[in-house]
Amino acid sequence: MKIAEIKDLTVEELNAKLVELKKELFNLRFQHAVNQLENTHKMTEVKRDIARVMTVLNEKNA
């Protein structure tokens, strides 16, 4: 997800996206633990997306 796309979202949409990304990360970690995850780079991408969303949320709240 690009930072420009994230900045266009409202605070409510950002919060919803954050919850969605955290659920996705949980599922990826679970798949990784039981050796069903083929693309481990996906975990890194999701973590970075979470950080981007949290950064924009902090900017909008400040």
Protein backbone atom coordinates (compact mmCIF):
# COMPACT_ATOMS: atom_id res chain seq x y z
CA MET A 1 0.00 0.00 0.00
CA LYS A 2 1.37 3.37 -1.02
CA ILE A 3 1.65 6.27 1.42
CA ALA A 4 -0.41 8.50 -0.93
CA GLU A 5 -3.29 6.03 -0.73
CA ILE A 6 -3.08 5.97 3.06
CA LYS A 7 -3.05 9.76 3.39
CA ASP A 8 -6.32 9.99 1.42
CA LEU A 9 -8.19 7.87 4.00
CA THR A 10 -10.18 9.31 6.90
CA VAL A 11 -9.33 8.57 10.53
CA GLU A 12 -12.15 6.01 10.78
CA GLU A 13 -10.96 4.27 7.62
CA LEU A 14 -7.39 4.28 8.93
CA ASN A 15 -8.49 2.65 12.18
CA ALA A 16 -10.40 -0.01 10.25
CA LYS A 17 -7.40 -0.62 7.98
CA LEU A 18 -5.14 -0.95 11.03
CA VAL A 19 -7.39 -3.61 12.55
CA GLU A 20 -7.50 -5.46 9.22
CA LEU A 21 -3.71 -5.39 8.85
CA LYS A 22 -3.16 -6.61 12.41
CA LYS A 23 -5.50 -9.56 11.78
CA GLU A 24 -3.64 -10.34 8.58
CA LEU A 25 -0.29 -10.25 10.41
CA PHE A 26 -1.66 -12.59 13.09
CA ASN A 27 -2.78 -15.05 10.41
CA LEU A 28 0.59 -14.85 8.66
CA ARG A 29 2.43 -15.50 11.93
CA PHE A 30 0.19 -18.49 12.59
CA GLN A 31 0.83 -19.89 9.11
CA HIS A 32 4.58 -19.35 9.60
CA ALA A 33 4.50 -21.22 12.92
CA VAL A 34 2.92 -24.30 11.36
CA ASN A 35 5.18 -24.13 8.28
CA GLN A 36 2.40 -23.32 5.80
CA LEU A 37 3.67 -19.88 4.80
CA GLU A 38 5.48 -19.92 1.46
CA ASN A 39 6.16 -16.20 1.03
CA THR A 40 7.71 -14.96 4.28
CA HIS A 41 8.34 -11.52 2.77
CA LYS A 42 4.60 -10.88 3.04
CA MET A 43 5.02 -10.55 6.82
CA THR A 44 7.53 -7.73 6.32
CA GLU A 45 5.22 -5.95 3.89
CA VAL A 46 2.30 -6.11 6.32
CA LYS A 47 4.45 -4.83 9.20
CA ARG A 48 5.53 -1.87 7.08
CA ASP A 49 1.94 -1.15 6.08
CA ILE A 50 0.96 -1.16 9.78
CA ALA A 51 3.76 1.32 10.50
CA ARG A 52 2.65 3.56 7.62
CA VAL A 53 -0.95 3.59 8.82
CA MET A 54 0.09 4.33 12.40
CA THR A 55 2.36 7.17 11.22
CA VAL A 56 -0.44 8.82 9.25
CA LEU A 57 -2.84 8.35 12.18
CA ASN A 58 -0.37 10.11 14.48
CA GLU A 59 0.04 12.93 11.97
CA LYS A 60 -3.72 13.43 11.70
CA ASN A 61 -4.24 13.31 15.47
CA ALA A 62 -1.49 15.82 16.20
